[in-house]
Amino acid sequence: MDTHQIIEHARQLKQRIQPYARRQGEGDPGEAARAQVCAFLSHYAGPQSAFTKEAEATTGFSGYRVATLSSILDSFTEYLESGLSTGLSPERRAQIDVVSDFLGQAQTMLDGEAFHPGAAAVLIGASLEEFLRNWVEAEGIPLSSSRLGIDTYAQALKSAGRLSKQDIKDITSWAGTRNHAAHGEWDKVGDIPRVRLMLEGVNLFIRQKTG
């Protein structure tokens, strides 16, 4: 889902929760509205974002709570429209630059004749793992497994709404190629065009997630 679609969903959600401000009867209408907004923001802004935390902290009567949640959704929409959601901290940008340097080295390996393409596959895989690890740390996403690696980081990002099913499918394929190379299964990584596709795919993936 792109930014424009997320903005539209935020506006629709704001409209949907308005009746909760006036609803009477059993239960807590304000709490129901809060639950919907928190689920939305946790998925699209991130569980550790200021928007999500503000929504989680809303209290008071239903009318007041809905008004507060509406303001938070408006603020999130303005944040997306301004393009601030694509902003990266200097530290995160430096980490991505390091990963890009590694991928550049992999390109050099593939362009020359001194290295087996499997060596480039290992470096591409290591670069992808470093990118995912830094992303998880920057988002403050908890890890459910002590066995760290590409799959663990990817699944954590997917649970946080940062990766799609297609992203996971691509990452699993790249990780498989990297593992073949790491275990010396040279017959499975000797095809230079295949490793080039891996490099192009990882480069595109990183650009899409940081652009």
N, C-alpha and C. Protein backbone atom coordinates (compact mmCIF):
# COMPACT_ATOMS: atom_id res chain seq x y z
N MET A 1 0.84 -1.20 0.00
CA MET A 1 0.00 0.00 0.00
C MET A 1 0.88 1.25 0.00
N ASP A 2 0.63 2.17 -0.95
CA ASP A 2 1.47 3.35 -1.02
C ASP A 2 0.94 4.45 -0.09
N THR A 3 1.68 5.56 -0.06
CA THR A 3 1.35 6.65 0.87
C THR A 3 -0.04 7.22 0.63
N HIS A 4 -0.40 7.39 -0.63
CA HIS A 4 -1.72 7.96 -0.95
C HIS A 4 -2.85 7.06 -0.44
N GLN A 5 -2.66 5.77 -0.55
CA GLN A 5 -3.68 4.83 -0.08
C GLN A 5 -3.78 4.85 1.45
N ILE A 6 -2.64 4.95 2.11
CA ILE A 6 -2.65 5.03 3.58
C ILE A 6 -3.36 6.29 4.04
N ILE A 7 -3.10 7.40 3.36
CA ILE A 7 -3.77 8.66 3.70
C ILE A 7 -5.28 8.52 3.54
N GLU A 8 -5.71 7.90 2.46
CA GLU A 8 -7.14 7.71 2.23
C GLU A 8 -7.75 6.82 3.31
N HIS A 9 -7.06 5.79 3.70
CA HIS A 9 -7.56 4.90 4.76
C HIS A 9 -7.65 5.66 6.09
N ALA A 10 -6.68 6.53 6.35
CA ALA A 10 -6.71 7.32 7.59
C ALA A 10 -7.93 8.24 7.60
N ARG A 11 -8.23 8.84 6.48
CA ARG A 11 -9.40 9.74 6.39
C ARG A 11 -10.70 8.96 6.55
N GLN A 12 -10.76 7.78 5.95
CA GLN A 12 -11.95 6.96 6.08
C GLN A 12 -12.15 6.49 7.51
N LEU A 13 -11.04 6.15 8.17
CA LEU A 13 -11.12 5.72 9.57
C LEU A 13 -11.62 6.86 10.45
N LYS A 14 -11.13 8.05 10.18
CA LYS A 14 -11.59 9.21 10.96
C LYS A 14 -13.11 9.37 10.85
N GLN A 15 -13.63 9.19 9.65
CA GLN A 15 -15.08 9.29 9.46
C GLN A 15 -15.83 8.17 10.17
N ARG A 16 -15.26 6.97 10.15
CA ARG A 16 -15.93 5.82 10.75
C ARG A 16 -16.06 5.92 12.26
N ILE A 17 -15.08 6.58 12.91
CA ILE A 17 -15.13 6.62 14.37
C ILE A 17 -15.99 7.76 14.91
N GLN A 18 -16.44 8.69 14.05
CA GLN A 18 -17.22 9.83 14.54
C GLN A 18 -18.49 9.41 15.28
N PRO A 19 -19.25 8.42 14.79
CA PRO A 19 -20.47 8.02 15.51
C PRO A 19 -20.22 7.52 16.93
N TYR A 20 -19.00 7.05 17.19
CA TYR A 20 -18.68 6.55 18.53
C TYR A 20 -18.74 7.67 19.57
N ALA A 21 -18.59 8.90 19.12
CA ALA A 21 -18.64 10.03 20.06
C ALA A 21 -20.04 10.23 20.61
N ARG A 22 -21.05 9.79 19.87
CA ARG A 22 -22.44 10.00 20.28
C ARG A 22 -23.15 8.72 20.67
N ARG A 23 -22.49 7.58 20.45
CA ARG A 23 -23.15 6.30 20.68
C ARG A 23 -23.41 6.07 22.16
N GLN A 24 -24.60 5.57 22.45
CA GLN A 24 -25.00 5.27 23.81
C GLN A 24 -25.25 3.78 23.94
N GLY A 25 -25.21 3.27 25.14
CA GLY A 25 -25.52 1.87 25.37
C GLY A 25 -24.40 1.18 26.12
N GLU A 26 -24.39 -0.15 26.05
CA GLU A 26 -23.43 -0.92 26.80
C GLU A 26 -22.02 -0.78 26.18
N GLY A 27 -21.04 -1.06 27.04
CA GLY A 27 -19.67 -0.98 26.57
C GLY A 27 -19.13 0.43 26.59
N ASP A 28 -17.95 0.59 26.02
CA ASP A 28 -17.26 1.88 25.99
C ASP A 28 -17.00 2.25 24.54
N PRO A 29 -17.86 3.05 23.92
CA PRO A 29 -17.67 3.42 22.51
C PRO A 29 -16.31 4.07 22.24
N GLY A 30 -15.87 4.89 23.18
CA GLY A 30 -14.58 5.55 23.01
C GLY A 30 -13.44 4.56 22.95
N GLU A 31 -13.55 3.49 23.75
CA GLU A 31 -12.51 2.46 23.75
C GLU A 31 -12.51 1.69 22.43
N ALA A 32 -13.70 1.47 21.88
CA ALA A 32 -13.79 0.79 20.59
C ALA A 32 -13.13 1.62 19.49
N ALA A 33 -13.36 2.93 19.54
CA ALA A 33 -12.73 3.81 18.55
C ALA A 33 -11.22 3.81 18.73
N ARG A 34 -10.78 3.85 19.96
CA ARG A 34 -9.34 3.86 20.25
C ARG A 34 -8.68 2.58 19.72
N ALA A 35 -9.35 1.45 19.90
CA ALA A 35 -8.80 0.17 19.45
C ALA A 35 -8.58 0.17 17.94
N GLN A 36 -9.55 0.72 17.20
CA GLN A 36 -9.42 0.75 15.74
C GLN A 36 -8.26 1.65 15.30
N VAL A 37 -8.17 2.82 15.92
CA VAL A 37 -7.12 3.77 15.54
C VAL A 37 -5.74 3.23 15.92
N CYS A 38 -5.65 2.62 17.10
CA CYS A 38 -4.36 2.08 17.53
C CYS A 38 -3.90 0.96 16.60
N ALA A 39 -4.83 0.10 16.18
CA ALA A 39 -4.48 -0.99 15.27
C ALA A 39 -3.98 -0.43 13.94
N PHE A 40 -4.66 0.60 13.45
CA PHE A 40 -4.28 1.23 12.18
C PHE A 40 -2.89 1.86 12.28
N LEU A 41 -2.67 2.65 13.32
CA LEU A 41 -1.39 3.36 13.46
C LEU A 41 -0.25 2.40 13.77
N SER A 42 -0.52 1.36 14.54
CA SER A 42 0.53 0.38 14.83
C SER A 42 1.01 -0.28 13.56
N HIS A 43 0.07 -0.52 12.64
CA HIS A 43 0.41 -1.19 11.39
C HIS A 43 1.14 -0.27 10.42
N TYR A 44 0.65 0.98 10.29
CA TYR A 44 1.18 1.86 9.25
C TYR A 44 2.20 2.89 9.75
N ALA A 45 2.13 3.25 11.04
CA ALA A 45 3.13 4.18 11.58
C ALA A 45 4.19 3.45 12.37
N GLY A 46 3.83 2.26 12.87
CA GLY A 46 4.75 1.47 13.67
C GLY A 46 4.35 1.46 15.14
N PRO A 47 4.52 0.33 15.82
CA PRO A 47 4.10 0.23 17.22
C PRO A 47 4.83 1.16 18.17
N GLN A 48 6.01 1.61 17.76
CA GLN A 48 6.79 2.50 18.64
C GLN A 48 6.70 3.97 18.23
N SER A 49 5.89 4.28 17.23
CA SER A 49 5.81 5.66 16.76
C SER A 49 5.08 6.55 17.76
N ALA A 50 5.36 7.84 17.69
CA ALA A 50 4.71 8.80 18.59
C ALA A 50 3.20 8.82 18.35
N PHE A 51 2.78 8.64 17.10
CA PHE A 51 1.35 8.65 16.78
C PHE A 51 0.65 7.50 17.50
N THR A 52 1.21 6.32 17.42
CA THR A 52 0.61 5.16 18.06
C THR A 52 0.57 5.32 19.57
N LYS A 53 1.66 5.80 20.14
CA LYS A 53 1.72 5.97 21.60
C LYS A 53 0.71 7.01 22.08
N GLU A 54 0.53 8.08 21.31
CA GLU A 54 -0.46 9.10 21.68
C GLU A 54 -1.87 8.52 21.64
N ALA A 55 -2.15 7.73 20.60
CA ALA A 55 -3.48 7.12 20.48
C ALA A 55 -3.72 6.15 21.63
N GLU A 56 -2.71 5.38 21.99
CA GLU A 56 -2.85 4.41 23.09
C GLU A 56 -3.10 5.10 24.42
N ALA A 57 -2.63 6.33 24.55
CA ALA A 57 -2.73 7.05 25.83
C ALA A 57 -4.03 7.85 25.98
N THR A 58 -4.89 7.86 24.96
CA THR A 58 -6.11 8.66 25.04
C THR A 58 -7.04 8.12 26.12
N THR A 59 -7.64 9.06 26.87
CA THR A 59 -8.59 8.71 27.93
C THR A 59 -9.74 9.71 27.91
N GLY A 60 -10.70 9.53 28.81
CA GLY A 60 -11.80 10.48 28.94
C GLY A 60 -13.10 9.97 28.35
N PHE A 61 -14.09 10.85 28.33
CA PHE A 61 -15.38 10.49 27.77
C PHE A 61 -15.26 10.19 26.29
N SER A 62 -16.24 9.47 25.77
CA SER A 62 -16.19 9.04 24.38
C SER A 62 -16.03 10.21 23.42
N GLY A 63 -16.79 11.29 23.63
CA GLY A 63 -16.71 12.44 22.74
C GLY A 63 -15.32 13.05 22.72
N TYR A 64 -14.74 13.19 23.89
CA TYR A 64 -13.40 13.77 23.99
C TYR A 64 -12.37 12.83 23.37
N ARG A 65 -12.54 11.54 23.63
CA ARG A 65 -11.57 10.57 23.12
C ARG A 65 -11.60 10.50 21.59
N VAL A 66 -12.78 10.52 21.03
CA VAL A 66 -12.90 10.47 19.57
C VAL A 66 -12.31 11.73 18.95
N ALA A 67 -12.54 12.87 19.59
CA ALA A 67 -11.98 14.12 19.08
C ALA A 67 -10.45 14.07 19.10
N THR A 68 -9.89 13.51 20.18
CA THR A 68 -8.44 13.39 20.29
C THR A 68 -7.89 12.44 19.24
N LEU A 69 -8.56 11.31 19.07
CA LEU A 69 -8.12 10.33 18.07
C LEU A 69 -8.20 10.91 16.66
N SER A 70 -9.23 11.71 16.41
CA SER A 70 -9.39 12.35 15.10
C SER A 70 -8.23 13.31 14.84
N SER A 71 -7.84 14.04 15.88
CA SER A 71 -6.72 14.97 15.73
C SER A 71 -5.42 14.23 15.46
N ILE A 72 -5.25 13.09 16.10
CA ILE A 72 -4.04 12.29 15.87
C ILE A 72 -4.01 11.77 14.43
N LEU A 73 -5.15 11.32 13.93
CA LEU A 73 -5.22 10.86 12.54
C LEU A 73 -4.94 12.00 11.57
N ASP A 74 -5.47 13.19 11.88
CA ASP A 74 -5.18 14.36 11.04
C ASP A 74 -3.68 14.66 11.02
N SER A 75 -3.07 14.58 12.19
CA SER A 75 -1.64 14.86 12.29
C SER A 75 -0.83 13.82 11.51
N PHE A 76 -1.23 12.57 11.60
CA PHE A 76 -0.54 11.51 10.87
C PHE A 76 -0.68 11.72 9.36
N THR A 77 -1.87 12.13 8.93
CA THR A 77 -2.11 12.41 7.51
C THR A 77 -1.22 13.55 7.02
N GLU A 78 -1.14 14.63 7.81
CA GLU A 78 -0.28 15.76 7.44
C GLU A 78 1.19 15.34 7.38
N TYR A 79 1.57 14.48 8.29
CA TYR A 79 2.94 13.96 8.33
C TYR A 79 3.27 13.21 7.04
N LEU A 80 2.33 12.38 6.60
CA LEU A 80 2.53 11.63 5.36
C LEU A 80 2.55 12.56 4.15
N GLU A 81 1.61 13.51 4.12
CA GLU A 81 1.52 14.43 2.98
C GLU A 81 2.76 15.30 2.84
N SER A 82 3.39 15.61 3.96
CA SER A 82 4.58 16.47 3.92
C SER A 82 5.82 15.73 3.46
N GLY A 83 5.72 14.40 3.41
CA GLY A 83 6.87 13.61 3.00
C GLY A 83 7.84 13.31 4.13
N LEU A 84 7.49 13.69 5.35
CA LEU A 84 8.40 13.47 6.47
C LEU A 84 8.59 12.00 6.79
N SER A 85 7.61 11.17 6.37
CA SER A 85 7.70 9.74 6.68
C SER A 85 8.88 9.07 5.98
N THR A 86 9.41 9.72 4.94
CA THR A 86 10.55 9.15 4.24
C THR A 86 11.87 9.67 4.81
N GLY A 87 11.80 10.51 5.81
CA GLY A 87 13.02 11.05 6.40
C GLY A 87 13.79 9.99 7.16
N LEU A 88 15.12 10.05 7.10
CA LEU A 88 15.98 9.11 7.79
C LEU A 88 16.95 9.89 8.66
N SER A 89 17.24 9.33 9.83
CA SER A 89 18.20 9.98 10.70
C SER A 89 19.59 9.88 10.08
N PRO A 90 20.50 10.77 10.46
CA PRO A 90 21.87 10.70 9.94
C PRO A 90 22.51 9.34 10.21
N GLU A 91 22.24 8.77 11.38
CA GLU A 91 22.81 7.46 11.72
C GLU A 91 22.28 6.38 10.79
N ARG A 92 20.96 6.41 10.54
CA ARG A 92 20.35 5.41 9.66
C ARG A 92 20.87 5.58 8.23
N ARG A 93 21.00 6.82 7.78
CA ARG A 93 21.52 7.07 6.45
C ARG A 93 22.95 6.56 6.32
N ALA A 94 23.75 6.74 7.36
CA ALA A 94 25.14 6.27 7.35
C ALA A 94 25.17 4.74 7.26
N GLN A 95 24.28 4.08 7.98
CA GLN A 95 24.21 2.62 7.94
C GLN A 95 23.86 2.15 6.52
N ILE A 96 22.91 2.82 5.90
CA ILE A 96 22.49 2.45 4.55
C ILE A 96 23.62 2.69 3.55
N ASP A 97 24.38 3.75 3.77
CA ASP A 97 25.52 4.04 2.89
C ASP A 97 26.56 2.92 2.96
N VAL A 98 26.77 2.39 4.17
CA VAL A 98 27.72 1.28 4.34
C VAL A 98 27.23 0.05 3.57
N VAL A 99 25.93 -0.24 3.70
CA VAL A 99 25.34 -1.37 2.98
C VAL A 99 25.50 -1.17 1.48
N SER A 100 25.26 0.05 1.01
CA SER A 100 25.41 0.36 -0.42
C SER A 100 26.84 0.13 -0.89
N ASP A 101 27.81 0.46 -0.03
CA ASP A 101 29.21 0.23 -0.37
C ASP A 101 29.49 -1.26 -0.56
N PHE A 102 28.93 -2.08 0.35
CA PHE A 102 29.10 -3.53 0.24
C PHE A 102 28.50 -4.05 -1.06
N LEU A 103 27.32 -3.54 -1.41
CA LEU A 103 26.67 -3.97 -2.64
C LEU A 103 27.49 -3.53 -3.85
N GLY A 104 28.14 -2.38 -3.74
CA GLY A 104 29.02 -1.92 -4.81
C GLY A 104 30.21 -2.86 -4.99
N GLN A 105 30.73 -3.37 -3.87
CA GLN A 105 31.83 -4.33 -3.94
C GLN A 105 31.36 -5.62 -4.60
N ALA A 106 30.13 -6.04 -4.31
CA ALA A 106 29.58 -7.24 -4.93
C ALA A 106 29.47 -7.05 -6.44
N GLN A 107 29.08 -5.84 -6.86
CA GLN A 107 28.99 -5.54 -8.29
C GLN A 107 30.37 -5.66 -8.94
N THR A 108 31.39 -5.15 -8.26
CA THR A 108 32.76 -5.23 -8.78
C THR A 108 33.19 -6.69 -8.93
N MET A 109 32.84 -7.51 -7.96
CA MET A 109 33.16 -8.94 -8.04
C MET A 109 32.54 -9.59 -9.26
N LEU A 110 31.27 -9.25 -9.52
CA LEU A 110 30.56 -9.85 -10.63
C LEU A 110 31.09 -9.34 -11.98
N ASP A 111 31.61 -8.13 -11.98
CA ASP A 111 32.12 -7.54 -13.22
C ASP A 111 33.50 -8.08 -13.58
N GLY A 112 34.22 -8.60 -12.57
CA GLY A 112 35.56 -9.11 -12.83
C GLY A 112 35.57 -10.62 -13.00
N GLU A 113 36.77 -11.18 -13.09
CA GLU A 113 36.91 -12.62 -13.28
C GLU A 113 37.70 -13.27 -12.15
N ALA A 114 38.04 -12.48 -11.14
CA ALA A 114 38.89 -13.00 -10.06
C ALA A 114 38.09 -13.74 -8.99
N PHE A 115 36.77 -13.56 -8.98
CA PHE A 115 35.97 -14.15 -7.93
C PHE A 115 34.87 -15.04 -8.49
N HIS A 116 34.57 -16.10 -7.78
CA HIS A 116 33.42 -16.95 -8.11
C HIS A 116 32.17 -16.14 -7.78
N PRO A 117 31.10 -16.23 -8.57
CA PRO A 117 29.87 -15.47 -8.27
C PRO A 117 29.29 -15.79 -6.90
N GLY A 118 29.63 -16.96 -6.36
CA GLY A 118 29.16 -17.29 -5.01
C GLY A 118 29.69 -16.34 -3.96
N ALA A 119 30.90 -15.82 -4.18
CA ALA A 119 31.47 -14.86 -3.22
C ALA A 119 30.63 -13.59 -3.20
N ALA A 120 30.18 -13.15 -4.38
CA ALA A 120 29.32 -11.97 -4.45
C ALA A 120 27.98 -12.25 -3.78
N ALA A 121 27.46 -13.47 -3.95
CA ALA A 121 26.18 -13.83 -3.33
C ALA A 121 26.26 -13.75 -1.81
N VAL A 122 27.39 -14.19 -1.26
CA VAL A 122 27.58 -14.11 0.20
C VAL A 122 27.58 -12.66 0.65
N LEU A 123 28.28 -11.80 -0.09
CA LEU A 123 28.36 -10.38 0.27
C LEU A 123 27.01 -9.70 0.13
N ILE A 124 26.26 -10.04 -0.91
CA ILE A 124 24.92 -9.45 -1.09
C ILE A 124 24.01 -9.87 0.06
N GLY A 125 24.08 -11.15 0.42
CA GLY A 125 23.27 -11.65 1.53
C GLY A 125 23.62 -10.98 2.84
N ALA A 126 24.92 -10.79 3.08
CA ALA A 126 25.36 -10.12 4.31
C ALA A 126 24.87 -8.67 4.33
N SER A 127 24.89 -8.03 3.17
CA SER A 127 24.43 -6.64 3.07
C SER A 127 22.93 -6.56 3.37
N LEU A 128 22.16 -7.50 2.82
CA LEU A 128 20.73 -7.53 3.08
C LEU A 128 20.45 -7.74 4.56
N GLU A 129 21.17 -8.66 5.17
CA GLU A 129 20.97 -8.93 6.60
C GLU A 129 21.28 -7.70 7.45
N GLU A 130 22.36 -7.00 7.10
CA GLU A 130 22.73 -5.80 7.84
C GLU A 130 21.66 -4.72 7.69
N PHE A 131 21.13 -4.56 6.48
CA PHE A 131 20.07 -3.58 6.25
C PHE A 131 18.84 -3.90 7.09
N LEU A 132 18.43 -5.16 7.11
CA LEU A 132 17.25 -5.56 7.88
C LEU A 132 17.49 -5.40 9.38
N ARG A 133 18.68 -5.77 9.84
CA ARG A 133 19.00 -5.65 11.26
C ARG A 133 18.96 -4.19 11.71
N ASN A 134 19.57 -3.32 10.93
CA ASN A 134 19.56 -1.89 11.28
C ASN A 134 18.15 -1.33 11.27
N TRP A 135 17.33 -1.79 10.33
CA TRP A 135 15.94 -1.34 10.22
C TRP A 135 15.16 -1.75 11.46
N VAL A 136 15.32 -2.99 11.89
CA VAL A 136 14.63 -3.47 13.09
C VAL A 136 15.04 -2.65 14.31
N GLU A 137 16.33 -2.38 14.44
CA GLU A 137 16.83 -1.61 15.58
C GLU A 137 16.32 -0.18 15.54
N ALA A 138 16.31 0.43 14.34
CA ALA A 138 15.84 1.81 14.20
C ALA A 138 14.37 1.95 14.55
N GLU A 139 13.58 0.91 14.26
CA GLU A 139 12.14 0.93 14.54
C GLU A 139 11.83 0.52 15.97
N GLY A 140 12.81 -0.05 16.67
CA GLY A 140 12.57 -0.54 18.02
C GLY A 140 11.64 -1.74 18.04
N ILE A 141 11.71 -2.57 17.01
CA ILE A 141 10.82 -3.72 16.90
C ILE A 141 11.38 -4.88 17.72
N PRO A 142 10.57 -5.46 18.60
CA PRO A 142 11.05 -6.59 19.41
C PRO A 142 11.21 -7.84 18.56
N LEU A 143 12.18 -8.67 18.92
CA LEU A 143 12.43 -9.92 18.20
C LEU A 143 11.90 -11.08 19.02
N SER A 144 11.20 -11.98 18.36
CA SER A 144 10.59 -13.11 19.06
C SER A 144 11.49 -14.33 19.10
N SER A 145 12.65 -14.25 18.48
CA SER A 145 13.57 -15.38 18.42
C SER A 145 14.98 -14.91 18.74
N SER A 146 15.72 -15.77 19.45
CA SER A 146 17.11 -15.44 19.77
C SER A 146 18.05 -15.87 18.65
N ARG A 147 17.50 -16.59 17.68
CA ARG A 147 18.29 -17.03 16.53
C ARG A 147 18.22 -15.94 15.46
N LEU A 148 19.20 -15.05 15.49
CA LEU A 148 19.16 -13.88 14.63
C LEU A 148 19.65 -14.20 13.23
N GLY A 149 19.05 -13.55 12.25
CA GLY A 149 19.42 -13.75 10.87
C GLY A 149 18.41 -13.08 9.96
N ILE A 150 18.57 -13.25 8.68
CA ILE A 150 17.70 -12.61 7.70
C ILE A 150 16.24 -12.95 7.96
N ASP A 151 15.94 -14.22 8.16
CA ASP A 151 14.54 -14.64 8.34
C ASP A 151 13.93 -14.03 9.59
N THR A 152 14.68 -14.00 10.69
CA THR A 152 14.17 -13.45 11.95
C THR A 152 13.86 -11.97 11.79
N TYR A 153 14.78 -11.22 11.18
CA TYR A 153 14.56 -9.78 10.99
C TYR A 153 13.39 -9.52 10.04
N ALA A 154 13.32 -10.31 8.97
CA ALA A 154 12.25 -10.12 7.99
C ALA A 154 10.88 -10.39 8.60
N GLN A 155 10.77 -11.46 9.38
CA GLN A 155 9.49 -11.78 10.00
C GLN A 155 9.08 -10.73 11.03
N ALA A 156 10.05 -10.18 11.74
CA ALA A 156 9.75 -9.12 12.72
C ALA A 156 9.23 -7.89 12.00
N LEU A 157 9.83 -7.54 10.89
CA LEU A 157 9.40 -6.38 10.11
C LEU A 157 8.03 -6.63 9.48
N LYS A 158 7.76 -7.85 9.07
CA LYS A 158 6.45 -8.18 8.51
C LYS A 158 5.37 -8.06 9.59
N SER A 159 5.66 -8.56 10.80
CA SER A 159 4.69 -8.48 11.90
C SER A 159 4.40 -7.03 12.27
N ALA A 160 5.38 -6.16 12.06
CA ALA A 160 5.21 -4.73 12.37
C ALA A 160 4.58 -3.97 11.21
N GLY A 161 4.23 -4.69 10.14
CA GLY A 161 3.60 -4.04 9.00
C GLY A 161 4.55 -3.34 8.07
N ARG A 162 5.84 -3.65 8.18
CA ARG A 162 6.82 -2.97 7.34
C ARG A 162 7.14 -3.73 6.05
N LEU A 163 6.84 -5.01 6.02
CA LEU A 163 7.10 -5.81 4.82
C LEU A 163 5.83 -6.54 4.39
N SER A 164 5.70 -6.71 3.10
CA SER A 164 4.55 -7.42 2.54
C SER A 164 4.88 -8.90 2.33
N LYS A 165 3.88 -9.67 1.95
CA LYS A 165 4.10 -11.08 1.66
C LYS A 165 5.07 -11.24 0.49
N GLN A 166 4.95 -10.36 -0.51
CA GLN A 166 5.86 -10.43 -1.65
C GLN A 166 7.29 -10.11 -1.22
N ASP A 167 7.44 -9.13 -0.31
CA ASP A 167 8.78 -8.81 0.21
C ASP A 167 9.40 -10.05 0.86
N ILE A 168 8.60 -10.74 1.67
CA ILE A 168 9.09 -11.93 2.37
C ILE A 168 9.48 -13.01 1.36
N LYS A 169 8.67 -13.17 0.32
CA LYS A 169 8.97 -14.16 -0.72
C LYS A 169 10.31 -13.84 -1.39
N ASP A 170 10.52 -12.58 -1.72
CA ASP A 170 11.78 -12.17 -2.36
C ASP A 170 12.97 -12.39 -1.41
N ILE A 171 12.80 -11.98 -0.16
CA ILE A 171 13.88 -12.10 0.82
C ILE A 171 14.24 -13.56 1.04
N THR A 172 13.23 -14.43 1.11
CA THR A 172 13.47 -15.86 1.29
C THR A 172 14.29 -16.42 0.14
N SER A 173 13.98 -15.97 -1.07
CA SER A 173 14.72 -16.43 -2.25
C SER A 173 16.17 -15.96 -2.19
N TRP A 174 16.38 -14.68 -1.84
CA TRP A 174 17.74 -14.15 -1.75
C TRP A 174 18.53 -14.85 -0.64
N ALA A 175 17.87 -15.09 0.46
CA ALA A 175 18.54 -15.76 1.59
C ALA A 175 18.94 -17.18 1.19
N GLY A 176 18.10 -17.84 0.39
CA GLY A 176 18.42 -19.19 -0.07
C GLY A 176 19.67 -19.21 -0.93
N THR A 177 19.79 -18.23 -1.82
CA THR A 177 20.98 -18.14 -2.66
C THR A 177 22.21 -17.87 -1.82
N ARG A 178 22.06 -16.99 -0.85
CA ARG A 178 23.18 -16.68 0.05
C ARG A 178 23.60 -17.93 0.83
N ASN A 179 22.65 -18.71 1.30
CA ASN A 179 22.97 -19.90 2.08
C ASN A 179 23.68 -20.96 1.23
N HIS A 180 23.25 -21.10 -0.01
CA HIS A 180 23.94 -22.05 -0.91
C HIS A 180 25.41 -21.67 -1.03
N ALA A 181 25.66 -20.38 -1.20
CA ALA A 181 27.04 -19.92 -1.35
C ALA A 181 27.82 -20.08 -0.05
N ALA A 182 27.19 -19.75 1.06
CA ALA A 182 27.86 -19.83 2.36
C ALA A 182 28.25 -21.26 2.72
N HIS A 183 27.48 -22.22 2.20
CA HIS A 183 27.77 -23.63 2.49
C HIS A 183 28.58 -24.30 1.38
N GLY A 184 29.11 -23.48 0.49
CA GLY A 184 29.98 -24.02 -0.54
C GLY A 184 29.29 -24.84 -1.60
N GLU A 185 27.99 -24.62 -1.79
CA GLU A 185 27.25 -25.35 -2.83
C GLU A 185 27.40 -24.58 -4.14
N TRP A 186 28.61 -24.60 -4.67
CA TRP A 186 28.98 -23.75 -5.78
C TRP A 186 28.17 -24.01 -7.05
N ASP A 187 27.72 -25.27 -7.21
CA ASP A 187 26.96 -25.57 -8.42
C ASP A 187 25.63 -24.84 -8.46
N LYS A 188 25.15 -24.40 -7.28
CA LYS A 188 23.86 -23.71 -7.20
C LYS A 188 24.00 -22.19 -7.30
N VAL A 189 25.24 -21.70 -7.25
CA VAL A 189 25.46 -20.25 -7.32
C VAL A 189 26.51 -19.89 -8.36
N GLY A 190 26.71 -20.77 -9.31
CA GLY A 190 27.71 -20.51 -10.34
C GLY A 190 27.18 -19.74 -11.52
N ASP A 191 25.88 -19.48 -11.51
CA ASP A 191 25.24 -18.76 -12.63
C ASP A 191 25.31 -17.26 -12.36
N ILE A 192 26.21 -16.58 -13.08
CA ILE A 192 26.39 -15.14 -12.85
C ILE A 192 25.10 -14.34 -13.07
N PRO A 193 24.33 -14.59 -14.14
CA PRO A 193 23.08 -13.84 -14.32
C PRO A 193 22.13 -13.97 -13.13
N ARG A 194 22.10 -15.16 -12.51
CA ARG A 194 21.22 -15.34 -11.35
C ARG A 194 21.66 -14.47 -10.19
N VAL A 195 22.97 -14.41 -9.95
CA VAL A 195 23.49 -13.58 -8.85
C VAL A 195 23.31 -12.10 -9.17
N ARG A 196 23.44 -11.76 -10.45
CA ARG A 196 23.19 -10.36 -10.84
C ARG A 196 21.74 -9.97 -10.55
N LEU A 197 20.81 -10.87 -10.82
CA LEU A 197 19.40 -10.60 -10.53
C LEU A 197 19.20 -10.43 -9.03
N MET A 198 19.91 -11.22 -8.25
CA MET A 198 19.84 -11.07 -6.79
C MET A 198 20.31 -9.69 -6.37
N LEU A 199 21.45 -9.27 -6.94
CA LEU A 199 22.00 -7.95 -6.61
C LEU A 199 21.04 -6.84 -7.02
N GLU A 200 20.49 -6.92 -8.22
CA GLU A 200 19.55 -5.91 -8.69
C GLU A 200 18.30 -5.88 -7.80
N GLY A 201 17.83 -7.06 -7.40
CA GLY A 201 16.64 -7.14 -6.57
C GLY A 201 16.86 -6.52 -5.20
N VAL A 202 17.99 -6.83 -4.58
CA VAL A 202 18.29 -6.27 -3.25
C VAL A 202 18.48 -4.76 -3.34
N ASN A 203 19.17 -4.30 -4.37
CA ASN A 203 19.34 -2.85 -4.55
C ASN A 203 17.99 -2.14 -4.69
N LEU A 204 17.11 -2.71 -5.50
CA LEU A 204 15.78 -2.11 -5.70
C LEU A 204 14.98 -2.14 -4.41
N PHE A 205 15.04 -3.25 -3.69
CA PHE A 205 14.32 -3.39 -2.42
C PHE A 205 14.74 -2.30 -1.44
N ILE A 206 16.04 -2.08 -1.31
CA ILE A 206 16.55 -1.08 -0.36
C ILE A 206 16.14 0.32 -0.78
N ARG A 207 16.19 0.60 -2.09
CA ARG A 207 15.76 1.93 -2.57
C ARG A 207 14.28 2.15 -2.28
N GLN A 208 13.46 1.15 -2.49
CA GLN A 208 12.03 1.28 -2.26
C GLN A 208 11.71 1.52 -0.78
N LYS A 209 12.48 0.89 0.10
CA LYS A 209 12.19 0.98 1.53
C LYS A 209 12.80 2.22 2.18
N THR A 210 13.66 2.91 1.45
CA THR A 210 14.31 4.10 2.03
C THR A 210 14.09 5.36 1.20
N GLY A 211 13.39 5.21 0.06
CA GLY A 211 13.20 6.35 -0.82
C GLY A 211 12.12 7.31 -0.36
